[in-house]
């Protein structure tokens, strides 16, 4: 089994991130949605920006399942929620994920 962490942020398009995920040949994928404004709760934000982000995440989830056959393990909103998790590969994101 191969576990992959995909970091969704403003640095990659959905298609660019999907190409990296496909290349990773993961069996299981966890999405980390990182926002520039860490005070905003994108899951409940009803602003145009919040709606666009949710649509982007939903499109990515559907594309991952359709194009890779991988199982979506989870969707997290902060790196803190990943404390103790291990991944075989990390894709996306502007900064490297620090191991804890």
C-alpha atoms as a PDB file:
ATOM      1  CA  UNK A   1       0.000   0.000   0.000  1.00  0.00           C
ATOM      2  CA  UNK A   2       1.212   3.463  -0.891  1.00  0.00           C
ATOM      3  CA  UNK A   3       0.069   6.538   1.041  1.00  0.00           C
ATOM      4  CA  UNK A   4       0.279   9.978  -0.553  1.00  0.00           C
ATOM      5  CA  UNK A   5      -0.313  13.424   0.908  1.00  0.00           C
ATOM      6  CA  UNK A   6      -1.529  16.000  -1.611  1.00  0.00           C
ATOM      7  CA  UNK A   7      -1.225  19.609  -0.470  1.00  0.00           C
ATOM      8  CA  UNK A   8      -3.874  21.852  -2.003  1.00  0.00           C
ATOM      9  CA  UNK A   9      -2.912  25.518  -1.978  1.00  0.00           C
ATOM     10  CA  UNK A  10      -2.718  28.438  -4.368  1.00  0.00           C
ATOM     11  CA  UNK A  11       0.565  27.342  -5.986  1.00  0.00           C
ATOM     12  CA  UNK A  12      -0.799  24.556  -8.218  1.00  0.00           C
ATOM     13  CA  UNK A  13      -3.848  24.159 -10.432  1.00  0.00           C
ATOM     14  CA  UNK A  14      -6.099  21.135  -9.971  1.00  0.00           C
ATOM     15  CA  UNK A  15      -4.690  19.607 -13.161  1.00  0.00           C
ATOM     16  CA  UNK A  16      -1.055  20.129 -12.091  1.00  0.00           C
ATOM     17  CA  UNK A  17      -1.725  18.548  -8.725  1.00  0.00           C
ATOM     18  CA  UNK A  18      -3.629  15.681 -10.316  1.00  0.00           C
ATOM     19  CA  UNK A  19      -0.695  14.928 -12.657  1.00  0.00           C
ATOM     20  CA  UNK A  20       1.600  14.664  -9.623  1.00  0.00           C
ATOM     21  CA  UNK A  21      -0.887  12.414  -7.813  1.00  0.00           C
ATOM     22  CA  UNK A  22      -1.228  10.118 -10.840  1.00  0.00           C
ATOM     23  CA  UNK A  23       2.571   9.957 -11.116  1.00  0.00           C
ATOM     24  CA  UNK A  24       2.752   8.923  -7.443  1.00  0.00           C
ATOM     25  CA  UNK A  25       0.761   5.683  -8.032  1.00  0.00           C
ATOM     26  CA  UNK A  26      -0.831   5.925  -4.583  1.00  0.00           C
ATOM     27  CA  UNK A  27      -3.357   3.498  -3.199  1.00  0.00           C
ATOM     28  CA  UNK A  28      -4.522   5.987  -0.576  1.00  0.00           C
ATOM     29  CA  UNK A  29      -4.584   9.793  -0.746  1.00  0.00           C
ATOM     30  CA  UNK A  30      -5.003  12.354   2.020  1.00  0.00           C
ATOM     31  CA  UNK A  31      -5.679  15.974   1.061  1.00  0.00           C
ATOM     32  CA  UNK A  32      -4.294  18.848   3.112  1.00  0.00           C
ATOM     33  CA  UNK A  33      -6.029  22.106   2.202  1.00  0.00           C
ATOM     34  CA  UNK A  34      -3.734  24.984   3.121  1.00  0.00           C
ATOM     35  CA  UNK A  35      -5.069  28.501   2.856  1.00  0.00           C
ATOM     36  CA  UNK A  36      -3.070  31.728   2.991  1.00  0.00           C
ATOM     37  CA  UNK A  37      -5.566  33.134   5.500  1.00  0.00           C
ATOM     38  CA  UNK A  38      -5.341  30.594   8.305  1.00  0.00           C
ATOM     39  CA  UNK A  39      -8.096  32.403  10.239  1.00  0.00           C
ATOM     40  CA  UNK A  40     -10.715  31.646   7.588  1.00  0.00           C
ATOM     41  CA  UNK A  41     -12.598  28.362   7.818  1.00  0.00           C
ATOM     42  CA  UNK A  42     -12.859  27.441   4.144  1.00  0.00           C
ATOM     43  CA  UNK A  43     -15.305  24.630   4.920  1.00  0.00           C
ATOM     44  CA  UNK A  44     -17.979  27.065   6.116  1.00  0.00           C
ATOM     45  CA  UNK A  45     -16.843  30.266   4.410  1.00  0.00           C
ATOM     46  CA  UNK A  46     -19.763  31.417   2.241  1.00  0.00           C
ATOM     47  CA  UNK A  47     -17.767  34.122   0.474  1.00  0.00           C
ATOM     48  CA  UNK A  48     -16.992  33.731  -3.239  1.00  0.00           C
ATOM     49  CA  UNK A  49     -13.435  32.720  -2.305  1.00  0.00           C
ATOM     50  CA  UNK A  50     -14.684  29.993   0.061  1.00  0.00           C
ATOM     51  CA  UNK A  51     -17.103  28.635  -2.535  1.00  0.00           C
ATOM     52  CA  UNK A  52     -14.393  28.556  -5.209  1.00  0.00           C
ATOM     53  CA  UNK A  53     -12.038  26.664  -2.899  1.00  0.00           C
ATOM     54  CA  UNK A  54     -14.715  24.093  -2.016  1.00  0.00           C
ATOM     55  CA  UNK A  55     -15.497  23.606  -5.706  1.00  0.00           C
ATOM     56  CA  UNK A  56     -11.793  23.146  -6.423  1.00  0.00           C
ATOM     57  CA  UNK A  57     -11.423  20.547  -3.657  1.00  0.00           C
ATOM     58  CA  UNK A  58     -14.554  18.698  -4.810  1.00  0.00           C
ATOM     59  CA  UNK A  59     -13.294  18.628  -8.403  1.00  0.00           C
ATOM     60  CA  UNK A  60      -9.937  17.303  -7.234  1.00  0.00           C
ATOM     61  CA  UNK A  61     -11.536  14.590  -5.096  1.00  0.00           C
ATOM     62  CA  UNK A  62     -13.660  13.393  -8.013  1.00  0.00           C
ATOM     63  CA  UNK A  63     -10.709  13.484 -10.418  1.00  0.00           C
ATOM     64  CA  UNK A  64      -8.443  11.546  -8.037  1.00  0.00           C
ATOM     65  CA  UNK A  65     -10.999   8.775  -7.676  1.00  0.00           C
ATOM     66  CA  UNK A  66     -11.753   8.676 -11.412  1.00  0.00           C
ATOM     67  CA  UNK A  67      -8.181   8.831 -12.737  1.00  0.00           C
ATOM     68  CA  UNK A  68      -6.182   6.961 -10.126  1.00  0.00           C
ATOM     69  CA  UNK A  69      -8.517   4.495  -8.461  1.00  0.00           C
ATOM     70  CA  UNK A  70      -6.968   5.541  -5.142  1.00  0.00           C
ATOM     71  CA  UNK A  71      -9.068   5.732  -2.018  1.00  0.00           C
ATOM     72  CA  UNK A  72      -9.440   9.176  -0.439  1.00  0.00           C
ATOM     73  CA  UNK A  73      -8.450   8.589   3.181  1.00  0.00           C
ATOM     74  CA  UNK A  74      -9.156  12.037   4.522  1.00  0.00           C
ATOM     75  CA  UNK A  75      -9.385  15.762   4.107  1.00  0.00           C
ATOM     76  CA  UNK A  76      -7.568  17.942   6.642  1.00  0.00           C
ATOM     77  CA  UNK A  77      -7.285  21.694   7.097  1.00  0.00           C
ATOM     78  CA  UNK A  78      -3.980  22.009   8.957  1.00  0.00           C
ATOM     79  CA  UNK A  79      -0.629  20.304   9.256  1.00  0.00           C
ATOM     80  CA  UNK A  80      -1.283  19.956  12.974  1.00  0.00           C
ATOM     81  CA  UNK A  81      -3.964  17.365  12.187  1.00  0.00           C
ATOM     82  CA  UNK A  82      -1.290  15.203  10.528  1.00  0.00           C
ATOM     83  CA  UNK A  83       0.902  14.891  13.596  1.00  0.00           C
ATOM     84  CA  UNK A  84       2.164  11.291  13.730  1.00  0.00           C
ATOM     85  CA  UNK A  85       1.031  10.390  10.200  1.00  0.00           C
ATOM     86  CA  UNK A  86       3.519   9.024   7.686  1.00  0.00           C
ATOM     87  CA  UNK A  87       3.322   9.254   3.910  1.00  0.00           C
ATOM     88  CA  UNK A  88       5.285   7.511   1.196  1.00  0.00           C
ATOM     89  CA  UNK A  89       5.099  10.594  -0.990  1.00  0.00           C
ATOM     90  CA  UNK A  90       4.065  14.250  -0.653  1.00  0.00           C
ATOM     91  CA  UNK A  91       2.967  16.313  -3.656  1.00  0.00           C
ATOM     92  CA  UNK A  92       1.919  19.938  -4.055  1.00  0.00           C
ATOM     93  CA  UNK A  93       2.464  22.790  -1.665  1.00  0.00           C
ATOM     94  CA  UNK A  94       5.020  25.553  -1.767  1.00  0.00           C
ATOM     95  CA  UNK A  95       7.002  24.595   1.333  1.00  0.00           C
ATOM     96  CA  UNK A  96       8.240  21.158   2.366  1.00  0.00           C
ATOM     97  CA  UNK A  97       6.222  19.408   5.041  1.00  0.00           C
ATOM     98  CA  UNK A  98       8.192  19.134   8.251  1.00  0.00           C
ATOM     99  CA  UNK A  99       8.296  15.669   9.819  1.00  0.00           C
ATOM    100  CA  UNK A 100       7.318  15.602  13.470  1.00  0.00           C
END
